[in-house]
Amino acid sequence: MKKKVLLVEDDESVRQLVRVTLDLNGFEVVEAKDGLEGLLMLDLHKPDAVVLDLMMPDVGGERMLAQLRSTEETKRTPVVIITGKPEVEPEVIGLVGRENFFPKPFDPDAVIARLEAMLG
């Protein structure tokens, strides 16, 4: 059974790159173009993991991550962060772990390897 990954990224080209990479590696992909849509997809699709950008319009990645970690149902959902943000608050890194943080430009294969390690 395919593991379901919610991909939340506002940059269309990055979203497409990650989606194709996830798809080629056997993941089922659900996409959202911002944090608000991501929160809706999280409730609707109950993904096994989330790949999350931090800098997005409206509901940013930090806010989505805080919401994700605040509910019993999603607080243990594995999260990988990909971001172009030069400085990330220690609290954000603390919520996901340094090993789950990938600054842009990132190696898609490294993201896949991290997801596979997290999901078993």
Protein backbone atom coordinates (compact mmCIF):
# COMPACT_ATOMS: atom_id res chain seq x y z
CA MET A 1 0.00 0.00 0.00
CA LYS A 2 1.34 3.40 -1.00
CA LYS A 3 2.18 5.90 1.73
CA LYS A 4 0.28 9.17 1.29
CA VAL A 5 2.25 12.42 1.40
CA LEU A 6 0.71 15.88 1.59
CA LEU A 7 2.88 18.31 -0.38
CA VAL A 8 2.33 21.96 0.61
CA GLU A 9 4.30 24.35 -1.64
CA ASP A 10 3.28 27.62 -3.30
CA ASP A 11 5.96 27.56 -6.03
CA GLU A 12 4.48 25.58 -8.95
CA SER A 13 7.87 24.43 -10.33
CA VAL A 14 9.10 23.20 -6.94
CA ARG A 15 5.75 21.51 -6.28
CA GLN A 16 5.95 19.75 -9.65
CA LEU A 17 9.55 18.58 -9.04
CA VAL A 18 8.70 17.18 -5.61
CA ARG A 19 5.42 15.64 -6.81
CA VAL A 20 7.12 13.80 -9.68
CA THR A 21 9.96 12.63 -7.42
CA LEU A 22 7.50 11.36 -4.80
CA ASP A 23 5.37 9.68 -7.46
CA LEU A 24 8.37 7.97 -9.07
CA ASN A 25 9.35 6.63 -5.64
CA GLY A 26 5.97 5.01 -4.98
CA PHE A 27 4.24 7.62 -2.84
CA GLU A 28 0.66 8.78 -3.29
CA VAL A 29 0.74 12.59 -3.46
CA VAL A 30 -1.89 15.08 -2.35
CA GLU A 31 -1.03 18.70 -3.17
CA ALA A 32 -1.81 22.09 -1.66
CA LYS A 33 -0.60 25.47 -2.90
CA ASP A 34 -0.62 27.19 0.51
CA GLY A 35 -1.04 26.53 4.21
CA LEU A 36 -4.78 27.15 4.25
CA GLU A 37 -5.36 24.58 1.52
CA GLY A 38 -2.82 22.35 3.28
CA LEU A 39 -4.84 22.36 6.49
CA LEU A 40 -7.98 21.43 4.55
CA MET A 41 -6.15 18.60 2.74
CA LEU A 42 -4.70 17.41 6.04
CA ASP A 43 -8.20 16.92 7.46
CA LEU A 44 -9.59 15.50 4.23
CA HIS A 45 -6.84 13.05 3.27
CA LYS A 46 -5.13 12.06 6.58
CA PRO A 47 -1.63 11.77 5.04
CA ASP A 48 1.13 9.57 6.44
CA ALA A 49 3.62 12.48 6.13
CA VAL A 50 3.80 16.13 5.10
CA VAL A 51 6.36 17.93 2.93
CA LEU A 52 6.00 21.59 3.83
CA ASP A 53 7.36 24.90 2.56
CA LEU A 54 7.63 27.67 5.17
CA MET A 55 7.27 30.84 3.10
CA MET A 56 3.79 30.89 1.58
CA PRO A 57 1.03 33.50 1.25
CA ASP A 58 -1.88 33.64 3.70
CA VAL A 59 -1.27 30.72 6.06
CA GLY A 60 2.50 30.16 6.11
CA GLY A 61 4.29 26.94 6.88
CA GLU A 62 5.11 27.87 10.48
CA ARG A 63 1.43 28.45 11.21
CA MET A 64 0.42 25.23 9.48
CA LEU A 65 3.08 23.31 11.40
CA ALA A 66 1.91 24.78 14.72
CA GLN A 67 -1.67 23.75 13.89
CA LEU A 68 -0.54 20.28 12.83
CA ARG A 69 1.38 19.77 16.10
CA SER A 70 -1.49 21.09 18.24
CA THR A 71 -3.99 18.29 17.60
CA GLU A 72 -3.84 14.76 18.96
CA GLU A 73 -4.66 13.29 15.55
CA THR A 74 -1.76 14.95 13.69
CA LYS A 75 0.89 15.81 16.28
CA ARG A 76 2.99 12.74 15.42
CA THR A 77 2.65 13.08 11.63
CA PRO A 78 6.18 13.14 10.16
CA VAL A 79 7.03 16.49 8.56
CA VAL A 80 9.84 17.38 6.15
CA ILE A 81 10.44 21.08 5.60
CA ILE A 82 11.80 22.46 2.34
CA THR A 83 12.32 26.21 2.32
CA GLY A 84 14.17 29.11 0.82
CA LYS A 85 14.00 30.97 4.11
CA PRO A 86 17.58 31.85 5.12
CA GLU A 87 16.98 31.79 8.89
CA VAL A 88 14.53 29.45 10.58
CA GLU A 89 13.43 29.92 14.17
CA PRO A 90 14.78 27.29 16.60
CA GLU A 91 11.19 26.52 17.68
CA VAL A 92 10.33 25.45 14.11
CA ILE A 93 13.40 23.24 13.87
CA GLY A 94 12.48 21.84 17.29
CA LEU A 95 9.03 20.83 16.02
CA VAL A 96 10.41 18.76 13.13
CA GLY A 97 14.07 18.06 13.94
CA ARG A 98 17.15 19.39 12.13
CA GLU A 99 17.45 16.19 10.04
CA ASN A 100 14.01 16.89 8.53
CA PHE A 101 14.92 20.39 7.33
CA PHE A 102 16.06 20.94 3.71
CA PRO A 103 17.04 24.43 2.53
CA LYS A 104 16.38 25.28 -1.13
CA PRO A 105 17.93 24.33 -3.45
CA PHE A 106 17.57 20.81 -2.05
CA ASP A 107 18.36 17.31 -3.24
CA PRO A 108 15.02 15.58 -4.03
CA ASP A 109 16.62 12.18 -3.40
CA ALA A 110 17.63 13.28 0.12
CA VAL A 111 14.02 14.27 0.82
CA ILE A 112 12.84 10.85 -0.41
CA ALA A 113 15.44 9.06 1.71
CA ARG A 114 14.33 11.03 4.79
CA LEU A 115 10.65 10.27 4.16
CA GLU A 116 11.39 6.57 3.68
CA ALA A 117 13.37 6.52 6.94
CA MET A 118 10.54 8.27 8.82
CA LEU A 119 7.80 6.06 7.40
CA GLY A 120 9.64 2.75 7.62
